[in-house]
Amino acid sequence: MERQVNIVLYEPEIAQNVAAIIRTCVATNAKLHIIEPLGFIFKKEEMNRASAGTFDLVEYQLYDDWEDFCEKNPSIDLFCISRYGEKPHSDFDFNSYQKPVFVMFGKESTGIPKQIIKDNYENTFRLPMSPQTRSINVANTVGIVTYEILRQWDYPTLSKTEVQKGKDYIMSERWKDEK
């Protein structure tokens, strides 16, 4: 099994956050796992605009509940991000993992259930932040953590130059002709 970032959302409540996460998953070739129940109706029509038209491009799987997720993913190493983690995300050596990495993000109102964090505490981390706040928006956190993992892997399968307009676009000054 080759390396891949897998984003696990535990009972997300806000459709716009999930749509933004879909866009990040498409941009990073990450797979999205969504554990129900959800705080919104998960439909393409509702998600496509907020995900910048990337809904059809995301690889995702829905799960009925936590038990369903565990049954379908029995041998994974689960990483959790929580304000209760004691190590920053950047302290983990993801290069040592040659198999897919699964990172769980909790619901917006209450996070990941405490028992799941306790069961995976050695693989629980946090984003360093000011003491005046308890968390950062989940969609932003997904982007930060995903790109840290990919940075450690030297961004496999991702382009490091502009592809759609070409890497020489700015220097060629073709942009001056655009309206």
Protein backbone atom coordinates (compact mmCIF):
# COMPACT_ATOMS: atom_id res chain seq x y z
CA MET A 1 0.00 0.00 0.00
CA GLU A 2 1.51 3.33 -0.98
CA ARG A 3 1.59 6.57 0.96
CA GLN A 4 -1.51 8.72 0.93
CA VAL A 5 -2.97 11.28 3.26
CA ASN A 6 -6.43 10.30 4.48
CA ILE A 7 -8.53 13.01 6.10
CA VAL A 8 -11.08 11.66 8.57
CA LEU A 9 -13.89 14.01 9.62
CA TYR A 10 -15.74 12.94 12.75
CA GLU A 11 -19.38 14.03 12.52
CA PRO A 12 -18.82 17.39 10.80
CA GLU A 13 -21.51 19.99 11.40
CA ILE A 14 -20.86 22.76 8.85
CA ALA A 15 -21.23 22.13 5.12
CA GLN A 16 -18.96 25.02 4.10
CA ASN A 17 -16.10 23.57 6.14
CA VAL A 18 -16.50 20.18 4.46
CA ALA A 19 -16.66 21.84 1.04
CA ALA A 20 -13.40 23.70 1.74
CA ILE A 21 -11.85 20.42 2.92
CA ILE A 22 -13.00 18.74 -0.30
CA ARG A 23 -11.11 21.38 -2.26
CA THR A 24 -7.99 20.76 -0.15
CA CYS A 25 -8.30 17.00 -0.64
CA VAL A 26 -8.50 17.41 -4.41
CA ALA A 27 -5.51 19.78 -4.43
CA THR A 28 -3.41 17.36 -2.38
CA ASN A 29 -4.67 14.00 -3.70
CA ALA A 30 -5.89 13.14 -0.21
CA LYS A 31 -8.80 10.77 0.38
CA LEU A 32 -11.69 12.04 2.50
CA HIS A 33 -13.48 9.87 5.08
CA ILE A 34 -16.66 11.30 6.62
CA ILE A 35 -18.20 9.73 9.72
CA GLU A 36 -21.93 10.33 10.16
CA PRO A 37 -24.18 11.73 11.49
CA LEU A 38 -23.66 15.08 9.80
CA GLY A 39 -25.04 18.47 10.73
CA PHE A 40 -26.17 19.08 7.13
CA ILE A 41 -27.34 17.23 4.02
CA PHE A 42 -24.40 15.91 2.03
CA LYS A 43 -25.42 16.48 -1.59
CA LYS A 44 -23.42 17.45 -4.62
CA GLU A 45 -25.74 20.39 -5.34
CA GLU A 46 -25.06 21.81 -1.88
CA MET A 47 -21.32 21.16 -1.85
CA ASN A 48 -20.19 21.87 -5.40
CA ARG A 49 -20.11 25.68 -5.33
CA ALA A 50 -18.39 25.97 -1.95
CA SER A 51 -15.86 23.33 -3.04
CA ALA A 52 -15.05 25.41 -6.15
CA GLY A 53 -16.49 22.78 -8.47
CA THR A 54 -14.21 20.02 -7.20
CA PHE A 55 -16.88 17.73 -5.71
CA ASP A 56 -16.74 15.29 -8.64
CA LEU A 57 -12.96 15.06 -8.30
CA VAL A 58 -12.69 14.12 -4.62
CA GLU A 59 -12.22 10.53 -3.52
CA TYR A 60 -14.42 10.09 -0.46
CA GLN A 61 -16.19 7.51 1.64
CA LEU A 62 -19.11 7.97 4.02
CA TYR A 63 -19.46 5.86 7.17
CA ASP A 64 -22.63 5.29 9.19
CA ASP A 65 -20.83 5.88 12.49
CA TRP A 66 -17.52 5.41 14.33
CA GLU A 67 -17.99 1.63 14.53
CA ASP A 68 -18.53 1.42 10.77
CA PHE A 69 -15.31 3.38 10.20
CA CYS A 70 -13.37 1.05 12.52
CA GLU A 71 -14.79 -2.08 10.86
CA LYS A 72 -13.83 -0.87 7.38
CA ASN A 73 -10.35 0.36 8.44
CA PRO A 74 -9.19 -2.23 10.99
CA SER A 75 -5.41 -1.98 10.71
CA ILE A 76 -4.71 1.73 10.34
CA ASP A 77 -2.58 3.93 12.56
CA LEU A 78 -4.92 6.78 13.46
CA PHE A 79 -3.54 10.23 14.16
CA CYS A 80 -5.76 12.70 15.97
CA ILE A 81 -5.52 16.45 16.09
CA SER A 82 -6.83 17.93 19.31
CA ARG A 83 -6.21 20.80 21.64
CA TYR A 84 -5.42 18.07 24.19
CA GLY A 85 -2.39 16.87 22.26
CA GLU A 86 0.97 17.68 23.82
CA LYS A 87 3.18 17.70 20.72
CA PRO A 88 2.98 19.95 17.67
CA HIS A 89 2.04 18.36 14.36
CA SER A 90 5.49 19.16 13.00
CA ASP A 91 7.16 16.97 15.67
CA PHE A 92 5.77 13.79 14.10
CA ASP A 93 8.00 12.01 11.60
CA PHE A 94 5.61 11.06 8.83
CA ASN A 95 8.54 9.94 6.68
CA SER A 96 8.70 6.82 8.83
CA TYR A 97 5.24 5.78 7.54
CA GLN A 98 5.32 3.91 4.27
CA LYS A 99 1.58 3.25 4.35
CA PRO A 100 -1.39 5.60 4.20
CA VAL A 101 -1.65 8.14 7.03
CA PHE A 102 -5.10 8.69 8.56
CA VAL A 103 -5.62 11.98 10.43
CA MET A 104 -8.88 12.56 12.30
CA PHE A 105 -10.44 15.98 12.83
CA GLY A 106 -13.35 16.43 15.22
CA LYS A 107 -16.72 18.05 14.90
CA GLU A 108 -16.75 21.82 15.09
CA SER A 109 -18.59 22.08 18.43
CA THR A 110 -16.93 19.40 20.56
CA GLY A 111 -13.97 17.92 18.68
CA ILE A 112 -13.03 14.24 18.69
CA PRO A 113 -14.64 12.15 21.44
CA LYS A 114 -12.31 11.99 24.45
CA GLN A 115 -12.15 8.18 24.45
CA ILE A 116 -10.90 8.12 20.85
CA ILE A 117 -8.22 10.66 21.79
CA LYS A 118 -7.24 8.60 24.84
CA ASP A 119 -7.05 5.40 22.77
CA ASN A 120 -4.77 7.14 20.25
CA TYR A 121 -2.95 9.52 22.57
CA GLU A 122 0.57 8.64 21.37
CA ASN A 123 -0.54 9.74 17.90
CA THR A 124 -2.39 12.86 19.04
CA PHE A 125 -0.98 16.27 18.24
CA ARG A 126 -2.02 19.90 18.28
CA LEU A 127 -1.35 23.06 16.35
CA PRO A 128 0.59 25.51 18.50
CA MET A 129 -1.48 28.65 19.05
CA SER A 130 -2.00 31.56 21.38
CA PRO A 131 -3.50 30.73 24.79
CA GLN A 132 -6.44 33.05 24.07
CA THR A 133 -8.01 30.57 21.65
CA ARG A 134 -8.91 26.90 21.86
CA SER A 135 -8.85 26.03 18.17
CA ILE A 136 -8.50 27.09 14.56
CA ASN A 137 -11.20 26.50 11.93
CA VAL A 138 -11.23 22.83 10.97
CA ALA A 139 -10.84 23.50 7.24
CA ASN A 140 -7.74 25.62 7.88
CA THR A 141 -6.37 22.96 10.22
CA VAL A 142 -6.84 20.24 7.59
CA GLY A 143 -4.79 22.32 5.14
CA ILE A 144 -1.99 23.00 7.63
CA VAL A 145 -1.66 19.37 8.70
CA THR A 146 -2.01 17.90 5.20
CA TYR A 147 0.70 20.15 3.81
CA GLU A 148 3.04 19.35 6.70
CA ILE A 149 2.73 15.63 5.96
CA LEU A 150 3.23 16.24 2.24
CA ARG A 151 6.19 18.56 2.90
CA GLN A 152 7.89 15.76 4.81
CA TRP A 153 7.23 13.45 1.85
CA ASP A 154 8.50 16.10 -0.64
CA TYR A 155 5.00 16.58 -2.14
CA PRO A 156 4.64 13.31 -4.07
CA THR A 157 2.30 13.52 -7.09
CA LEU A 158 1.90 17.30 -6.66
CA SER A 159 3.11 19.86 -9.17
CA LYS A 160 5.61 22.39 -7.88
CA THR A 161 5.05 24.74 -10.81
CA GLU A 162 2.00 26.36 -12.40
CA VAL A 163 0.45 23.83 -14.77
CA GLN A 164 -2.70 25.46 -16.15
CA LYS A 165 -1.07 28.58 -17.58
CA GLY A 166 2.49 27.26 -17.69
CA LYS A 167 5.44 27.76 -15.40
CA ASP A 168 6.76 30.65 -17.51
CA TYR A 169 3.45 32.57 -17.48
CA ILE A 170 4.56 35.52 -15.32
CA MET A 171 7.96 35.95 -16.92
CA SER A 172 6.51 35.76 -20.43
CA GLU A 173 4.18 38.65 -19.60
CA ARG A 174 1.23 36.96 -21.33
CA TRP A 175 -0.77 38.09 -18.30
CA LYS A 176 -0.67 41.68 -19.63
CA ASP A 177 -3.03 40.66 -22.43
CA GLU A 178 -5.68 39.30 -20.05
CA LYS A 179 -8.68 41.31 -18.98
